[in-house]
Amino acid sequence: MEHSHCFFENRACKYFPCHKGLQEFNCLFCYCPMYLHEQCPGNPRFLEKGGRRIKDCSGCAFPHYPGNYEAVVKILSGK
């Protein structure tokens, strides 16, 4: 995919790739912008630590798939 407003791949990043197994890797959402959303289309785990529920997105690559840009924007806009 060509670099554009909805895709950016940074192979020079020391953390690249932060998730394995993707042919094209969208770094535009370097962190999960849906972290604060309880319901998201990815596959987060929820951990209990010190009596708190913590969302763990480390095993989820949903925002890094190039075709998921529109889905992420739609969720963030509340539509």
N, C-alpha and C. Protein backbone atom coordinates (compact mmCIF):
# COMPACT_ATOMS: atom_id res chain seq x y z
N MET A 1 0.85 -1.18 0.00
CA MET A 1 0.00 0.00 0.00
C MET A 1 0.89 1.23 0.00
N GLU A 2 0.51 2.20 -0.77
CA GLU A 2 1.26 3.44 -0.87
C GLU A 2 1.08 4.27 0.40
N HIS A 3 2.12 4.97 0.83
CA HIS A 3 2.01 5.85 1.99
C HIS A 3 1.00 6.96 1.69
N SER A 4 0.10 7.18 2.59
CA SER A 4 -0.94 8.18 2.41
C SER A 4 -1.42 8.64 3.77
N HIS A 5 -2.54 9.35 3.80
CA HIS A 5 -3.07 9.82 5.07
C HIS A 5 -3.57 8.66 5.95
N CYS A 6 -3.79 7.49 5.36
CA CYS A 6 -4.32 6.37 6.14
C CYS A 6 -3.34 5.21 6.29
N PHE A 7 -2.10 5.39 5.85
CA PHE A 7 -1.11 4.32 5.98
C PHE A 7 0.29 4.90 6.09
N PHE A 8 1.04 4.37 7.04
CA PHE A 8 2.44 4.76 7.21
C PHE A 8 3.17 3.57 7.82
N GLU A 9 4.26 3.17 7.21
CA GLU A 9 5.07 2.07 7.73
C GLU A 9 6.45 2.60 8.06
N ASN A 10 6.88 2.44 9.30
CA ASN A 10 8.17 2.96 9.74
C ASN A 10 9.11 1.79 10.08
N ARG A 11 9.79 1.29 9.08
CA ARG A 11 10.72 0.18 9.28
C ARG A 11 11.96 0.58 10.06
N ALA A 12 12.21 1.88 10.19
CA ALA A 12 13.37 2.36 10.94
C ALA A 12 13.12 2.39 12.45
N CYS A 13 11.89 2.19 12.87
CA CYS A 13 11.54 2.21 14.29
C CYS A 13 12.22 1.04 15.00
N LYS A 14 12.76 1.30 16.17
CA LYS A 14 13.45 0.23 16.90
C LYS A 14 12.49 -0.87 17.38
N TYR A 15 11.20 -0.59 17.39
CA TYR A 15 10.21 -1.57 17.82
C TYR A 15 9.55 -2.30 16.65
N PHE A 16 9.92 -1.93 15.42
CA PHE A 16 9.29 -2.53 14.24
C PHE A 16 9.76 -3.95 14.02
N PRO A 17 8.87 -4.87 13.76
CA PRO A 17 7.43 -4.76 13.94
C PRO A 17 7.06 -5.11 15.38
N CYS A 18 6.13 -4.39 15.93
CA CYS A 18 5.72 -4.68 17.31
C CYS A 18 4.80 -5.89 17.37
N HIS A 19 4.26 -6.29 16.24
CA HIS A 19 3.46 -7.51 16.11
C HIS A 19 4.00 -8.27 14.91
N LYS A 20 4.09 -9.56 15.01
CA LYS A 20 4.62 -10.40 13.93
C LYS A 20 3.51 -10.90 13.02
N GLY A 21 3.88 -11.24 11.79
CA GLY A 21 2.98 -11.93 10.89
C GLY A 21 2.22 -11.08 9.89
N LEU A 22 2.45 -9.79 9.83
CA LEU A 22 1.76 -8.95 8.86
C LEU A 22 2.69 -8.66 7.68
N GLN A 23 2.16 -8.75 6.47
CA GLN A 23 2.97 -8.43 5.29
C GLN A 23 3.14 -6.92 5.16
N GLU A 24 2.04 -6.18 5.28
CA GLU A 24 2.07 -4.72 5.32
C GLU A 24 1.67 -4.31 6.72
N PHE A 25 2.39 -3.38 7.28
CA PHE A 25 2.20 -3.03 8.69
C PHE A 25 1.95 -1.54 8.81
N ASN A 26 0.76 -1.16 9.22
CA ASN A 26 0.41 0.25 9.36
C ASN A 26 0.84 0.76 10.73
N CYS A 27 1.82 1.65 10.74
CA CYS A 27 2.33 2.23 11.99
C CYS A 27 1.60 3.51 12.36
N LEU A 28 0.61 3.91 11.56
CA LEU A 28 -0.10 5.16 11.82
C LEU A 28 -0.68 5.18 13.23
N PHE A 29 -1.26 4.06 13.64
CA PHE A 29 -1.77 3.94 15.01
C PHE A 29 -0.74 3.15 15.80
N CYS A 30 0.34 3.81 16.15
CA CYS A 30 1.46 3.16 16.83
C CYS A 30 0.99 2.52 18.14
N TYR A 31 0.15 3.20 18.84
CA TYR A 31 -0.47 2.63 20.03
C TYR A 31 -1.94 2.42 19.68
N CYS A 32 -2.63 1.64 20.45
CA CYS A 32 -4.02 1.37 20.13
C CYS A 32 -4.89 2.57 20.51
N PRO A 33 -5.47 3.25 19.52
CA PRO A 33 -6.31 4.41 19.83
C PRO A 33 -7.65 3.99 20.45
N MET A 34 -7.92 2.70 20.46
CA MET A 34 -9.17 2.21 21.03
C MET A 34 -8.96 1.64 22.43
N TYR A 35 -7.81 1.90 23.00
CA TYR A 35 -7.47 1.33 24.31
C TYR A 35 -8.53 1.65 25.36
N LEU A 36 -9.05 2.85 25.35
CA LEU A 36 -10.03 3.25 26.36
C LEU A 36 -11.44 2.74 26.07
N HIS A 37 -11.64 2.14 24.91
CA HIS A 37 -12.95 1.60 24.55
C HIS A 37 -13.05 0.15 25.04
N GLU A 38 -14.03 -0.10 25.86
CA GLU A 38 -14.24 -1.46 26.38
C GLU A 38 -14.54 -2.42 25.23
N GLN A 39 -15.42 -1.99 24.32
CA GLN A 39 -15.78 -2.80 23.16
C GLN A 39 -14.97 -2.32 21.96
N CYS A 40 -14.19 -3.19 21.40
CA CYS A 40 -13.43 -2.85 20.20
C CYS A 40 -13.40 -4.09 19.30
N PRO A 41 -13.11 -3.91 18.02
CA PRO A 41 -13.14 -5.04 17.10
C PRO A 41 -11.90 -5.94 17.17
N GLY A 42 -10.93 -5.56 17.96
CA GLY A 42 -9.72 -6.37 18.09
C GLY A 42 -9.93 -7.53 19.04
N ASN A 43 -8.83 -8.10 19.50
CA ASN A 43 -8.93 -9.23 20.42
C ASN A 43 -8.06 -8.99 21.66
N PRO A 44 -8.42 -7.97 22.46
CA PRO A 44 -7.65 -7.72 23.67
C PRO A 44 -7.91 -8.78 24.73
N ARG A 45 -6.97 -8.87 25.65
CA ARG A 45 -7.16 -9.69 26.85
C ARG A 45 -7.41 -8.71 27.99
N PHE A 46 -8.10 -9.17 29.00
CA PHE A 46 -8.31 -8.36 30.19
C PHE A 46 -7.67 -9.07 31.36
N LEU A 47 -6.79 -8.37 32.05
CA LEU A 47 -6.05 -8.93 33.17
C LEU A 47 -6.52 -8.29 34.46
N GLU A 48 -6.42 -9.02 35.55
CA GLU A 48 -6.71 -8.48 36.87
C GLU A 48 -5.38 -8.28 37.59
N LYS A 49 -5.17 -7.08 38.07
CA LYS A 49 -3.93 -6.80 38.79
C LYS A 49 -4.22 -5.77 39.88
N GLY A 50 -3.95 -6.15 41.10
CA GLY A 50 -4.19 -5.24 42.22
C GLY A 50 -5.63 -4.80 42.35
N GLY A 51 -6.55 -5.69 42.00
CA GLY A 51 -7.96 -5.36 42.08
C GLY A 51 -8.46 -4.50 40.92
N ARG A 52 -7.63 -4.28 39.92
CA ARG A 52 -8.01 -3.47 38.76
C ARG A 52 -8.06 -4.35 37.51
N ARG A 53 -8.95 -4.01 36.63
CA ARG A 53 -9.06 -4.69 35.34
C ARG A 53 -8.26 -3.90 34.31
N ILE A 54 -7.31 -4.56 33.67
CA ILE A 54 -6.40 -3.90 32.73
C ILE A 54 -6.56 -4.51 31.36
N LYS A 55 -6.71 -3.65 30.36
CA LYS A 55 -6.84 -4.11 28.98
C LYS A 55 -5.44 -4.31 28.40
N ASP A 56 -5.19 -5.50 27.89
CA ASP A 56 -3.89 -5.84 27.30
C ASP A 56 -4.08 -6.04 25.80
N CYS A 57 -3.55 -5.11 25.01
CA CYS A 57 -3.68 -5.16 23.55
C CYS A 57 -2.44 -5.72 22.87
N SER A 58 -1.52 -6.24 23.63
CA SER A 58 -0.24 -6.67 23.06
C SER A 58 -0.38 -7.81 22.05
N GLY A 59 -1.43 -8.60 22.13
CA GLY A 59 -1.63 -9.69 21.19
C GLY A 59 -2.56 -9.32 20.04
N CYS A 60 -2.94 -8.07 19.94
CA CYS A 60 -3.89 -7.61 18.93
C CYS A 60 -3.20 -6.71 17.92
N ALA A 61 -3.42 -6.96 16.65
CA ALA A 61 -2.82 -6.13 15.60
C ALA A 61 -3.89 -5.42 14.76
N PHE A 62 -5.12 -5.39 15.23
CA PHE A 62 -6.22 -4.82 14.45
C PHE A 62 -5.91 -3.44 13.86
N PRO A 63 -5.43 -2.46 14.64
CA PRO A 63 -5.19 -1.14 14.05
C PRO A 63 -4.00 -1.11 13.09
N HIS A 64 -3.20 -2.16 13.05
CA HIS A 64 -2.02 -2.19 12.19
C HIS A 64 -2.29 -2.80 10.81
N TYR A 65 -3.45 -3.43 10.63
CA TYR A 65 -3.81 -3.95 9.31
C TYR A 65 -4.18 -2.76 8.43
N PRO A 66 -3.55 -2.62 7.27
CA PRO A 66 -3.81 -1.46 6.40
C PRO A 66 -5.28 -1.23 6.08
N GLY A 67 -6.05 -2.27 5.90
CA GLY A 67 -7.46 -2.12 5.55
C GLY A 67 -8.37 -1.71 6.69
N ASN A 68 -7.86 -1.59 7.89
CA ASN A 68 -8.70 -1.29 9.06
C ASN A 68 -8.73 0.18 9.44
N TYR A 69 -8.08 1.03 8.67
CA TYR A 69 -8.06 2.46 9.00
C TYR A 69 -9.47 3.03 9.14
N GLU A 70 -10.32 2.79 8.15
CA GLU A 70 -11.68 3.33 8.17
C GLU A 70 -12.46 2.82 9.39
N ALA A 71 -12.30 1.56 9.74
CA ALA A 71 -13.00 1.00 10.90
C ALA A 71 -12.57 1.69 12.19
N VAL A 72 -11.27 1.94 12.33
CA VAL A 72 -10.76 2.61 13.53
C VAL A 72 -11.31 4.03 13.61
N VAL A 73 -11.27 4.76 12.50
CA VAL A 73 -11.78 6.14 12.48
C VAL A 73 -13.26 6.16 12.80
N LYS A 74 -14.02 5.21 12.28
CA LYS A 74 -15.46 5.14 12.56
C LYS A 74 -15.72 4.92 14.05
N ILE A 75 -14.98 4.03 14.66
CA ILE A 75 -15.13 3.78 16.10
C ILE A 75 -14.79 5.01 16.91
N LEU A 76 -13.71 5.66 16.56
CA LEU A 76 -13.26 6.84 17.31
C LEU A 76 -14.22 8.02 17.14
N SER A 77 -14.89 8.08 16.00
CA SER A 77 -15.84 9.19 15.77
C SER A 77 -17.20 8.91 16.38
N GLY A 78 -17.41 7.67 16.87
CA GLY A 78 -18.67 7.32 17.54
C GLY A 78 -19.80 7.01 16.58
N LYS A 79 -19.48 6.76 15.34
CA LYS A 79 -20.53 6.47 14.34
C LYS A 79 -20.77 4.98 14.20
